[in-house]
Structure formats: structure tokens, C-alpha cells
Amino acid sequence: MITDISDNDFEQRVIKSNLPVLLDFWAPWCVPCKMVAPIVDKLSNKYDGKMKFYKINIDDNPRTPSRFQVMSIPSLMIFKNGQVVETVVGAVPERSLISRIDGVL
């Protein structure tokens, strides 16, 4: 399951998470974001209990993308112990995301 988060709860949900986190930076107008969303959703079910999945709308929450210098969307960042350990920019195939996630777990 993917949960929407905001600038206000980013710190608590992502940085302080006891599990690795995949954070999807997206916007409603972004076509590639819509292409990658079903893949991320599928993976959120596959890795349930092993990793948390969040998405943040960059239009409504400008502080977090600015903090991590997000220049293009979709940008998927994997956090572990409060640090970014992987970044994937653009719509990528499912197997590419699986290998990145497995590398972190």
C-alpha cells in the first residue's frame, strides 16, 4: 500500500522510519508518473512488511523535493536509516526497481 505524505510528516514517516522507504516524487500532470505508479503500487504489495512506500505531490509540497534537489519526475528515492541510498529518475521497468529494492534490503 502506498500512502500520500506531505512536507509536514516527511521527517516522521521517512527519516525516522524503522524500515527502508521508497518515496515517489510525482505530480498529477506528469505522464511518466502515471506510467510508473502501477509498478510502484504492485511492488508496495510485494514488499509489504519489508519496506514502506510513500508518494509526495511536488506541487503541493515544495520543501521536500527542494531539500533533495529533485529536478525531474518521477523520481523514486529509497531511504535507509534516514539516508538516501538509491535514486531512480524517470519511468523504469519493474525489474529495474526490484533489483534496486533487493539491493537495499
Protein backbone atom coordinates (compact mmCIF):
# COMPACT_ATOMS: atom_id res chain seq x y z
CA MET A 1 0.00 0.00 0.00
CA ILE A 2 1.22 3.46 -0.90
CA THR A 3 0.47 6.36 1.43
CA ASP A 4 0.45 10.02 0.44
CA ILE A 5 2.65 12.16 2.66
CA SER A 6 3.39 15.87 2.92
CA ASP A 7 6.27 18.15 3.83
CA ASN A 8 4.84 18.21 7.35
CA ASP A 9 5.02 14.47 8.04
CA PHE A 10 8.03 13.62 5.84
CA GLU A 11 10.52 13.62 8.72
CA GLN A 12 8.43 11.34 10.92
CA ARG A 13 7.38 8.89 8.20
CA VAL A 14 10.56 8.69 6.09
CA ILE A 15 13.64 9.82 8.01
CA LYS A 16 12.59 8.19 11.30
CA SER A 17 11.19 5.01 9.71
CA ASN A 18 12.34 1.71 11.18
CA LEU A 19 12.03 0.13 7.70
CA PRO A 20 13.56 1.22 4.38
CA VAL A 21 11.29 3.62 2.48
CA LEU A 22 10.62 4.13 -1.21
CA LEU A 23 9.42 7.70 -1.79
CA ASP A 24 7.80 8.57 -5.12
CA PHE A 25 8.06 12.27 -6.04
CA TRP A 26 5.22 12.93 -8.51
CA ALA A 27 2.66 15.42 -9.84
CA PRO A 28 -0.85 14.90 -11.27
CA TRP A 29 0.12 16.38 -14.66
CA CYS A 30 3.16 14.09 -15.09
CA VAL A 31 2.51 11.37 -17.71
CA PRO A 32 5.60 9.26 -16.86
CA CYS A 33 4.48 9.40 -13.19
CA LYS A 34 1.21 7.78 -14.23
CA MET A 35 3.17 5.08 -16.07
CA VAL A 36 5.34 4.17 -13.07
CA ALA A 37 2.54 4.41 -10.46
CA PRO A 38 1.04 0.92 -11.11
CA ILE A 39 4.52 -0.63 -10.87
CA VAL A 40 5.20 1.08 -7.55
CA ASP A 41 1.77 0.02 -6.33
CA LYS A 42 2.45 -3.61 -7.26
CA LEU A 43 5.84 -3.52 -5.53
CA SER A 44 4.30 -2.00 -2.40
CA ASN A 45 2.23 -5.18 -2.08
CA LYS A 46 5.17 -7.46 -2.87
CA TYR A 47 7.40 -5.85 -0.22
CA ASP A 48 4.69 -5.31 2.41
CA GLY A 49 6.25 -5.57 5.86
CA LYS A 50 9.79 -5.21 4.48
CA MET A 51 9.64 -1.66 3.12
CA LYS A 52 7.33 1.34 3.36
CA PHE A 53 6.04 3.07 0.23
CA TYR A 54 5.07 6.74 0.16
CA LYS A 55 4.34 9.32 -2.51
CA ILE A 56 4.61 13.08 -2.30
CA ASN A 57 2.98 15.55 -4.68
CA ILE A 58 5.72 18.06 -5.55
CA ASP A 59 3.23 20.80 -6.46
CA ASP A 60 1.57 20.72 -3.03
CA ASN A 61 4.78 20.04 -1.07
CA PRO A 62 7.73 22.04 -2.43
CA ARG A 63 10.06 21.81 0.60
CA THR A 64 10.90 18.10 0.43
CA PRO A 65 11.73 17.96 -3.33
CA SER A 66 13.83 21.10 -2.91
CA ARG A 67 15.70 19.55 0.05
CA PHE A 68 16.66 16.55 -2.10
CA GLN A 69 17.23 18.54 -5.33
CA VAL A 70 14.53 16.73 -7.29
CA MET A 71 14.81 18.17 -10.81
CA SER A 72 12.77 15.62 -12.79
CA ILE A 73 9.79 13.46 -12.02
CA PRO A 74 9.04 10.77 -11.43
CA SER A 75 11.94 10.49 -9.02
CA LEU A 76 11.97 7.49 -6.75
CA MET A 77 14.27 7.65 -3.74
CA ILE A 78 14.99 4.79 -1.41
CA PHE A 79 15.85 5.77 2.15
CA LYS A 80 17.51 3.52 4.71
CA ASN A 81 18.29 4.68 8.24
CA GLY A 82 17.20 8.19 7.25
CA GLN A 83 19.62 8.45 4.30
CA VAL A 84 19.05 8.30 0.54
CA VAL A 85 20.70 5.10 -0.67
CA GLU A 86 19.19 4.84 -4.19
CA THR A 87 17.65 7.29 -6.66
CA VAL A 88 15.79 6.34 -9.83
CA VAL A 89 14.69 9.09 -12.21
CA GLY A 90 12.10 8.52 -14.90
CA ALA A 91 9.76 5.67 -15.71
CA VAL A 92 11.81 2.49 -15.42
CA PRO A 93 10.89 -1.18 -15.87
CA GLU A 94 9.66 -3.17 -12.88
CA ARG A 95 12.73 -5.44 -12.87
CA SER A 96 14.99 -2.39 -12.52
CA LEU A 97 13.12 -1.24 -9.42
CA ILE A 98 13.12 -4.76 -7.98
CA SER A 99 16.90 -5.02 -8.31
CA ARG A 100 17.34 -1.60 -6.61
CA ILE A 101 14.99 -2.56 -3.77
CA ASP A 102 16.57 -6.01 -3.31
CA GLY A 103 19.99 -4.33 -3.19
CA VAL A 104 18.87 -2.21 -0.25
CA LEU A 105 17.09 -5.00 1.61
